[in-house]
Amino acid sequence: MTVWDRPEPPTRPVPLDRERIVAAAIALADEGGLAAVSLRKVAARLDAGPMRLYGYISTKEELFDLMVDEVQGEILPEERPGDWREALRVLAHRTRRAALRHEWLADLLGGRPTLGPNGLAVTESTLAALDGLADLDTVMRAVETVSAYFTGAIRREIANLRAERATGLSKRDWQRASGPHVTRMLATGRFPALAKAVHDGTEVDAEESFATGLDWVLDAVAAKLARPPG
């Protein structure tokens, strides 16, 4: 029996339900990451005994599943997108914005499909937008390809934000601090392609980079969807 199928126990001394438990867990994770979340800490925030929580949630992994599904509610489109391309673009951007609000989400993206009501609704909305455009296997590979792109891009962006906090150096400060070493290495002539990228490349912010990469992936998917079967 999954956490979604298990009934909640009756309310006892301190009023509890999964909604309050998940809200407390998300607040802890927003403050300190997934390492800050445990059933004991969630219980303390709710002023309840830890054993009380086991009537609602059996493991920390189940708690994480519930947390992800709650955030999937933020990702679910507010209205039906106009076409498949817009549906996948909206999914990617809403997932990125959710991860920027809840950085811990990046650590849980890309695993097994979420089976909660919000997660299933997101998947249904996405697949429905591509329904009938190609055979089912092609549609599934298209969704997986776009998902793989934005999952990787989001994880990279969150990793950079965490590095800034851990080191106290912004991206620009880190580049300045690393500049002398990079200059010496490029001066050896061993890395001509890298030297060209460093000296001539255009720097863009994370949002622009994300949007550009997403458009390229969607272009590739469009070409595959347009190709006749055979």
C-alpha atoms as a PDB file:
ATOM      1  CA  MET A   1       0.000   0.000   0.000  1.00  0.00           C
ATOM      2  CA  THR A   2       1.422   3.397  -0.979  1.00  0.00           C
ATOM      3  CA  VAL A   3       1.247   6.514   1.160  1.00  0.00           C
ATOM      4  CA  TRP A   4      -1.457   7.749  -1.208  1.00  0.00           C
ATOM      5  CA  ASP A   5      -3.693   4.759  -0.448  1.00  0.00           C
ATOM      6  CA  ARG A   6      -3.145   4.539   3.306  1.00  0.00           C
ATOM      7  CA  PRO A   7      -5.922   6.215   5.337  1.00  0.00           C
ATOM      8  CA  GLU A   8      -4.964   8.827   7.894  1.00  0.00           C
ATOM      9  CA  PRO A   9      -5.493   7.997  11.569  1.00  0.00           C
ATOM     10  CA  PRO A  10      -8.103   9.879  13.585  1.00  0.00           C
ATOM     11  CA  THR A  11      -7.101  13.235  15.069  1.00  0.00           C
ATOM     12  CA  ARG A  12      -5.708  12.984  18.583  1.00  0.00           C
ATOM     13  CA  PRO A  13      -4.270  15.396  21.197  1.00  0.00           C
ATOM     14  CA  VAL A  14      -2.310  17.684  18.835  1.00  0.00           C
ATOM     15  CA  PRO A  15      -4.352  18.091  15.633  1.00  0.00           C
ATOM     16  CA  LEU A  16      -2.358  16.501  12.828  1.00  0.00           C
ATOM     17  CA  ASP A  17      -2.900  15.609   9.211  1.00  0.00           C
ATOM     18  CA  ARG A  18      -0.632  14.968   6.264  1.00  0.00           C
ATOM     19  CA  GLU A  19      -1.180  18.480   4.959  1.00  0.00           C
ATOM     20  CA  ARG A  20       0.272  20.049   8.133  1.00  0.00           C
ATOM     21  CA  ILE A  21       3.096  17.500   8.256  1.00  0.00           C
ATOM     22  CA  VAL A  22       4.083  18.152   4.639  1.00  0.00           C
ATOM     23  CA  ALA A  23       3.898  21.942   5.100  1.00  0.00           C
ATOM     24  CA  ALA A  24       6.236  21.694   8.099  1.00  0.00           C
ATOM     25  CA  ALA A  25       8.644  19.445   6.194  1.00  0.00           C
ATOM     26  CA  ILE A  26       8.726  21.815   3.213  1.00  0.00           C
ATOM     27  CA  ALA A  27       9.426  24.758   5.519  1.00  0.00           C
ATOM     28  CA  LEU A  28      12.358  22.868   7.054  1.00  0.00           C
ATOM     29  CA  ALA A  29      13.700  21.903   3.621  1.00  0.00           C
ATOM     30  CA  ASP A  30      13.358  25.473   2.326  1.00  0.00           C
ATOM     31  CA  GLU A  31      15.416  26.641   5.302  1.00  0.00           C
ATOM     32  CA  GLY A  32      18.113  23.976   5.365  1.00  0.00           C
ATOM     33  CA  GLY A  33      17.748  21.526   2.490  1.00  0.00           C
ATOM     34  CA  LEU A  34      16.722  17.882   2.654  1.00  0.00           C
ATOM     35  CA  ALA A  35      19.344  17.209   5.333  1.00  0.00           C
ATOM     36  CA  ALA A  36      17.278  19.404   7.663  1.00  0.00           C
ATOM     37  CA  VAL A  37      14.223  17.160   7.283  1.00  0.00           C
ATOM     38  CA  SER A  38      13.541  14.235   9.594  1.00  0.00           C
ATOM     39  CA  LEU A  39      10.382  12.921  11.191  1.00  0.00           C
ATOM     40  CA  ARG A  40      11.765  14.002  14.564  1.00  0.00           C
ATOM     41  CA  LYS A  41      12.373  17.585  13.401  1.00  0.00           C
ATOM     42  CA  VAL A  42       8.994  17.772  11.686  1.00  0.00           C
ATOM     43  CA  ALA A  43       7.317  16.515  14.861  1.00  0.00           C
ATOM     44  CA  ALA A  44       9.165  19.117  16.941  1.00  0.00           C
ATOM     45  CA  ARG A  45       8.008  21.907  14.631  1.00  0.00           C
ATOM     46  CA  LEU A  46       4.425  20.681  15.039  1.00  0.00           C
ATOM     47  CA  ASP A  47       4.830  20.289  18.809  1.00  0.00           C
ATOM     48  CA  ALA A  48       3.962  16.599  18.536  1.00  0.00           C
ATOM     49  CA  GLY A  49       5.698  13.395  19.540  1.00  0.00           C
ATOM     50  CA  PRO A  50       7.730  11.753  16.749  1.00  0.00           C
ATOM     51  CA  MET A  51       5.811   8.489  17.073  1.00  0.00           C
ATOM     52  CA  ARG A  52       2.605  10.370  16.213  1.00  0.00           C
ATOM     53  CA  LEU A  53       3.913  10.956  12.697  1.00  0.00           C
ATOM     54  CA  TYR A  54       4.303   7.258  11.971  1.00  0.00           C
ATOM     55  CA  GLY A  55       0.533   6.965  11.874  1.00  0.00           C
ATOM     56  CA  TYR A  56       0.622   9.194   8.808  1.00  0.00           C
ATOM     57  CA  ILE A  57       4.008   8.476   7.205  1.00  0.00           C
ATOM     58  CA  SER A  58       6.100   5.325   7.496  1.00  0.00           C
ATOM     59  CA  THR A  59       9.469   6.548   6.191  1.00  0.00           C
ATOM     60  CA  LYS A  60      11.348   9.705   5.312  1.00  0.00           C
ATOM     61  CA  GLU A  61      11.169   8.629   1.665  1.00  0.00           C
ATOM     62  CA  GLU A  62       7.373   8.735   1.852  1.00  0.00           C
ATOM     63  CA  LEU A  63       7.634  12.213   3.332  1.00  0.00           C
ATOM     64  CA  PHE A  64       9.821  13.288   0.412  1.00  0.00           C
ATOM     65  CA  ASP A  65       7.241  11.853  -2.011  1.00  0.00           C
ATOM     66  CA  LEU A  66       4.535  13.925  -0.344  1.00  0.00           C
ATOM     67  CA  MET A  67       6.715  17.046  -0.411  1.00  0.00           C
ATOM     68  CA  VAL A  68       7.445  16.646  -4.125  1.00  0.00           C
ATOM     69  CA  ASP A  69       3.768  16.129  -4.893  1.00  0.00           C
ATOM     70  CA  GLU A  70       2.867  19.273  -2.977  1.00  0.00           C
ATOM     71  CA  VAL A  71       5.317  21.282  -5.094  1.00  0.00           C
ATOM     72  CA  GLN A  72       4.004  19.570  -8.226  1.00  0.00           C
ATOM     73  CA  GLY A  73       0.818  21.482  -7.457  1.00  0.00           C
ATOM     74  CA  GLU A  74       2.820  24.677  -8.084  1.00  0.00           C
ATOM     75  CA  ILE A  75       4.084  23.251 -11.384  1.00  0.00           C
ATOM     76  CA  LEU A  76       0.672  22.186 -12.705  1.00  0.00           C
ATOM     77  CA  PRO A  77      -0.340  24.665 -15.452  1.00  0.00           C
ATOM     78  CA  GLU A  78      -3.080  27.086 -14.470  1.00  0.00           C
ATOM     79  CA  GLU A  79      -4.731  26.687 -17.867  1.00  0.00           C
ATOM     80  CA  ARG A  80      -4.414  24.322 -20.803  1.00  0.00           C
ATOM     81  CA  PRO A  81      -1.502  25.386 -23.048  1.00  0.00           C
ATOM     82  CA  GLY A  82      -2.274  26.159 -26.663  1.00  0.00           C
ATOM     83  CA  ASP A  83      -0.134  23.416 -28.219  1.00  0.00           C
ATOM     84  CA  TRP A  84       2.408  20.728 -27.340  1.00  0.00           C
ATOM     85  CA  ARG A  85       5.400  23.043 -27.641  1.00  0.00           C
ATOM     86  CA  GLU A  86       3.879  25.574 -25.263  1.00  0.00           C
ATOM     87  CA  ALA A  87       2.901  22.752 -22.892  1.00  0.00           C
ATOM     88  CA  LEU A  88       6.482  21.497 -22.647  1.00  0.00           C
ATOM     89  CA  ARG A  89       7.862  25.028 -22.400  1.00  0.00           C
ATOM     90  CA  VAL A  90       5.453  25.873 -19.571  1.00  0.00           C
ATOM     91  CA  LEU A  91       6.334  22.623 -17.780  1.00  0.00           C
ATOM     92  CA  ALA A  92      10.053  23.404 -17.981  1.00  0.00           C
ATOM     93  CA  HIS A  93       9.788  27.013 -16.828  1.00  0.00           C
ATOM     94  CA  ARG A  94       7.319  26.283 -14.028  1.00  0.00           C
ATOM     95  CA  THR A  95       9.568  23.457 -12.803  1.00  0.00           C
ATOM     96  CA  ARG A  96      12.560  25.803 -12.818  1.00  0.00           C
ATOM     97  CA  ARG A  97      10.690  28.499 -10.890  1.00  0.00           C
ATOM     98  CA  ALA A  98       9.485  25.927  -8.354  1.00  0.00           C
ATOM     99  CA  ALA A  99      13.054  24.691  -7.881  1.00  0.00           C
ATOM    100  CA  LEU A 100      14.296  28.233  -7.315  1.00  0.00           C
ATOM    101  CA  ARG A 101      11.664  28.615  -4.573  1.00  0.00           C
ATOM    102  CA  HIS A 102      12.411  25.152  -3.159  1.00  0.00           C
ATOM    103  CA  GLU A 103      16.047  24.359  -3.985  1.00  0.00           C
ATOM    104  CA  TRP A 104      15.793  20.875  -2.471  1.00  0.00           C
ATOM    105  CA  LEU A 105      13.487  19.918  -5.345  1.00  0.00           C
ATOM    106  CA  ALA A 106      16.535  19.766  -7.623  1.00  0.00           C
ATOM    107  CA  ASP A 107      17.843  16.848  -5.553  1.00  0.00           C
ATOM    108  CA  LEU A 108      14.650  14.856  -6.135  1.00  0.00           C
ATOM    109  CA  LEU A 109      14.051  15.570  -9.821  1.00  0.00           C
ATOM    110  CA  GLY A 110      14.676  12.883 -12.417  1.00  0.00           C
ATOM    111  CA  GLY A 111      13.947   9.805 -10.338  1.00  0.00           C
ATOM    112  CA  ARG A 112      10.962   7.514 -10.495  1.00  0.00           C
ATOM    113  CA  PRO A 113       7.682   9.113 -11.591  1.00  0.00           C
ATOM    114  CA  THR A 114       5.708  10.735  -8.801  1.00  0.00           C
ATOM    115  CA  LEU A 115       2.441   8.950  -8.094  1.00  0.00           C
ATOM    116  CA  GLY A 116       0.633  11.579  -6.061  1.00  0.00           C
ATOM    117  CA  PRO A 117      -2.425  13.393  -7.421  1.00  0.00           C
ATOM    118  CA  ASN A 118      -0.539  16.523  -8.443  1.00  0.00           C
ATOM    119  CA  GLY A 119       2.290  14.583 -10.052  1.00  0.00           C
ATOM    120  CA  LEU A 120      -0.146  12.457 -12.016  1.00  0.00           C
ATOM    121  CA  ALA A 121      -2.044  15.581 -13.079  1.00  0.00           C
ATOM    122  CA  VAL A 122       1.174  17.179 -14.383  1.00  0.00           C
ATOM    123  CA  THR A 123       1.994  14.037 -16.351  1.00  0.00           C
ATOM    124  CA  GLU A 124      -1.549  13.801 -17.713  1.00  0.00           C
ATOM    125  CA  SER A 125      -1.507  17.441 -18.815  1.00  0.00           C
ATOM    126  CA  THR A 126       1.835  16.963 -20.553  1.00  0.00           C
ATOM    127  CA  LEU A 127       0.949  13.758 -22.370  1.00  0.00           C
ATOM    128  CA  ALA A 128      -2.472  15.082 -23.363  1.00  0.00           C
ATOM    129  CA  ALA A 129      -0.792  17.999 -25.161  1.00  0.00           C
ATOM    130  CA  LEU A 130       1.116  15.552 -27.408  1.00  0.00           C
ATOM    131  CA  ASP A 131      -1.644  12.999 -27.815  1.00  0.00           C
ATOM    132  CA  GLY A 132      -2.120  11.976 -31.429  1.00  0.00           C
ATOM    133  CA  LEU A 133       0.945  13.808 -32.761  1.00  0.00           C
ATOM    134  CA  ALA A 134       2.981  10.619 -33.138  1.00  0.00           C
ATOM    135  CA  ASP A 135       3.059   7.033 -31.956  1.00  0.00           C
ATOM    136  CA  LEU A 136       3.105   6.607 -28.186  1.00  0.00           C
ATOM    137  CA  ASP A 137       6.770   5.598 -27.975  1.00  0.00           C
ATOM    138  CA  THR A 138       7.826   8.734 -29.859  1.00  0.00           C
ATOM    139  CA  VAL A 139       5.681  10.897 -27.593  1.00  0.00           C
ATOM    140  CA  MET A 140       7.200   9.299 -24.488  1.00  0.00           C
ATOM    141  CA  ARG A 141      10.756   9.811 -25.780  1.00  0.00           C
ATOM    142  CA  ALA A 142       9.931  13.436 -26.573  1.00  0.00           C
ATOM    143  CA  VAL A 143       8.727  14.096 -23.027  1.00  0.00           C
ATOM    144  CA  GLU A 144      11.724  12.258 -21.552  1.00  0.00           C
ATOM    145  CA  THR A 145      14.141  14.265 -23.709  1.00  0.00           C
ATOM    146  CA  VAL A 146      12.736  17.621 -22.659  1.00  0.00           C
ATOM    147  CA  SER A 147      12.560  16.497 -19.034  1.00  0.00           C
ATOM    148  CA  ALA A 148      16.196  15.355 -19.129  1.00  0.00           C
ATOM    149  CA  TYR A 149      17.218  18.774 -20.452  1.00  0.00           C
ATOM    150  CA  PHE A 150      15.456  20.903 -17.889  1.00  0.00           C
ATOM    151  CA  THR A 151      16.324  18.574 -15.009  1.00  0.00           C
ATOM    152  CA  GLY A 152      20.020  18.855 -15.824  1.00  0.00           C
ATOM    153  CA  ALA A 153      19.850  22.601 -16.403  1.00  0.00           C
ATOM    154  CA  ILE A 154      18.001  23.180 -13.126  1.00  0.00           C
ATOM    155  CA  ARG A 155      20.453  21.048 -11.158  1.00  0.00           C
ATOM    156  CA  ARG A 156      23.375  22.977 -12.626  1.00  0.00           C
ATOM    157  CA  GLU A 157      21.798  26.319 -11.774  1.00  0.00           C
ATOM    158  CA  ILE A 158      21.012  25.253  -8.202  1.00  0.00           C
ATOM    159  CA  ALA A 159      24.550  23.862  -7.805  1.00  0.00           C
ATOM    160  CA  ASN A 160      25.944  27.262  -8.798  1.00  0.00           C
ATOM    161  CA  LEU A 161      23.692  29.060  -6.316  1.00  0.00           C
ATOM    162  CA  ARG A 162      24.806  26.701  -3.561  1.00  0.00           C
ATOM    163  CA  ALA A 163      28.455  27.233  -4.493  1.00  0.00           C
ATOM    164  CA  GLU A 164      27.989  30.997  -4.213  1.00  0.00           C
ATOM    165  CA  ARG A 165      26.592  30.629  -0.700  1.00  0.00           C
ATOM    166  CA  ALA A 166      29.197  28.076   0.372  1.00  0.00           C
ATOM    167  CA  THR A 167      32.157  30.145  -0.836  1.00  0.00           C
ATOM    168  CA  GLY A 168      30.757  33.631  -0.324  1.00  0.00           C
ATOM    169  CA  LEU A 169      31.822  34.423  -3.900  1.00  0.00           C
ATOM    170  CA  SER A 170      29.449  35.479  -6.656  1.00  0.00           C
ATOM    171  CA  LYS A 171      30.048  34.078 -10.129  1.00  0.00           C
ATOM    172  CA  ARG A 172      31.861  37.293 -11.077  1.00  0.00           C
ATOM    173  CA  ASP A 173      33.974  37.223  -7.903  1.00  0.00           C
ATOM    174  CA  TRP A 174      34.891  33.579  -8.512  1.00  0.00           C
ATOM    175  CA  GLN A 175      35.905  34.389 -12.096  1.00  0.00           C
ATOM    176  CA  ARG A 176      38.140  37.210 -10.868  1.00  0.00           C
ATOM    177  CA  ALA A 177      39.720  34.991  -8.225  1.00  0.00           C
ATOM    178  CA  SER A 178      40.325  32.208 -10.759  1.00  0.00           C
ATOM    179  CA  GLY A 179      41.459  34.597 -13.497  1.00  0.00           C
ATOM    180  CA  PRO A 180      45.247  34.404 -12.949  1.00  0.00           C
ATOM    181  CA  HIS A 181      45.250  30.605 -13.000  1.00  0.00           C
ATOM    182  CA  VAL A 182      43.048  30.431 -16.107  1.00  0.00           C
ATOM    183  CA  THR A 183      45.209  33.030 -17.867  1.00  0.00           C
ATOM    184  CA  ARG A 184      48.378  31.044 -17.156  1.00  0.00           C
ATOM    185  CA  MET A 185      46.816  27.819 -18.410  1.00  0.00           C
ATOM    186  CA  LEU A 186      45.484  29.399 -21.595  1.00  0.00           C
ATOM    187  CA  ALA A 187      48.855  31.007 -22.262  1.00  0.00           C
ATOM    188  CA  THR A 188      50.402  27.542 -22.651  1.00  0.00           C
ATOM    189  CA  GLY A 189      48.590  27.168 -25.967  1.00  0.00           C
ATOM    190  CA  ARG A 190      47.289  23.745 -24.989  1.00  0.00           C
ATOM    191  CA  PHE A 191      43.640  24.848 -24.928  1.00  0.00           C
ATOM    192  CA  PRO A 192      42.968  26.940 -28.065  1.00  0.00           C
ATOM    193  CA  ALA A 193      39.240  26.160 -28.288  1.00  0.00           C
ATOM    194  CA  LEU A 194      38.761  27.016 -24.613  1.00  0.00           C
ATOM    195  CA  ALA A 195      40.780  30.215 -25.027  1.00  0.00           C
ATOM    196  CA  LYS A 196      38.520  31.306 -27.882  1.00  0.00           C
ATOM    197  CA  ALA A 197      35.426  30.605 -25.751  1.00  0.00           C
ATOM    198  CA  VAL A 198      36.820  32.557 -22.788  1.00  0.00           C
ATOM    199  CA  HIS A 199      37.917  35.572 -24.812  1.00  0.00           C
ATOM    200  CA  ASP A 200      35.188  35.772 -27.460  1.00  0.00           C
ATOM    201  CA  GLY A 201      32.134  34.050 -25.944  1.00  0.00           C
ATOM    202  CA  THR A 202      29.069  36.024 -24.902  1.00  0.00           C
ATOM    203  CA  GLU A 203      28.026  35.586 -21.288  1.00  0.00           C
ATOM    204  CA  VAL A 204      24.314  35.216 -20.626  1.00  0.00           C
ATOM    205  CA  ASP A 205      22.373  34.872 -17.386  1.00  0.00           C
ATOM    206  CA  ALA A 206      20.907  31.604 -16.162  1.00  0.00           C
ATOM    207  CA  GLU A 207      17.354  32.340 -17.293  1.00  0.00           C
ATOM    208  CA  GLU A 208      18.381  33.239 -20.834  1.00  0.00           C
ATOM    209  CA  SER A 209      20.644  30.210 -21.068  1.00  0.00           C
ATOM    210  CA  PHE A 210      17.813  27.964 -19.853  1.00  0.00           C
ATOM    211  CA  ALA A 211      15.310  29.400 -22.337  1.00  0.00           C
ATOM    212  CA  THR A 212      17.717  29.159 -25.277  1.00  0.00           C
ATOM    213  CA  GLY A 213      18.659  25.567 -24.564  1.00  0.00           C
ATOM    214  CA  LEU A 214      15.011  24.658 -24.123  1.00  0.00           C
ATOM    215  CA  ASP A 215      14.101  26.164 -27.496  1.00  0.00           C
ATOM    216  CA  TRP A 216      16.859  24.134 -29.173  1.00  0.00           C
ATOM    217  CA  VAL A 217      15.614  20.929 -27.592  1.00  0.00           C
ATOM    218  CA  LEU A 218      12.027  21.733 -28.591  1.00  0.00           C
ATOM    219  CA  ASP A 219      13.196  22.377 -32.163  1.00  0.00           C
ATOM    220  CA  ALA A 220      14.760  18.910 -32.216  1.00  0.00           C
ATOM    221  CA  VAL A 221      11.582  17.348 -30.830  1.00  0.00           C
ATOM    222  CA  ALA A 222       9.498  19.200 -33.426  1.00  0.00           C
ATOM    223  CA  ALA A 223      11.650  17.792 -36.212  1.00  0.00           C
ATOM    224  CA  LYS A 224      11.188  14.284 -34.866  1.00  0.00           C
ATOM    225  CA  LEU A 225       7.427  14.696 -34.495  1.00  0.00           C
ATOM    226  CA  ALA A 226       7.183  15.984 -38.056  1.00  0.00           C
ATOM    227  CA  ARG A 227       9.077  12.998 -39.482  1.00  0.00           C
ATOM    228  CA  PRO A 228       6.753  10.412 -41.037  1.00  0.00           C
ATOM    229  CA  PRO A 229       6.867   6.968 -39.419  1.00  0.00           C
ATOM    230  CA  GLY A 230       8.879   4.272 -41.079  1.00  0.00           C
END
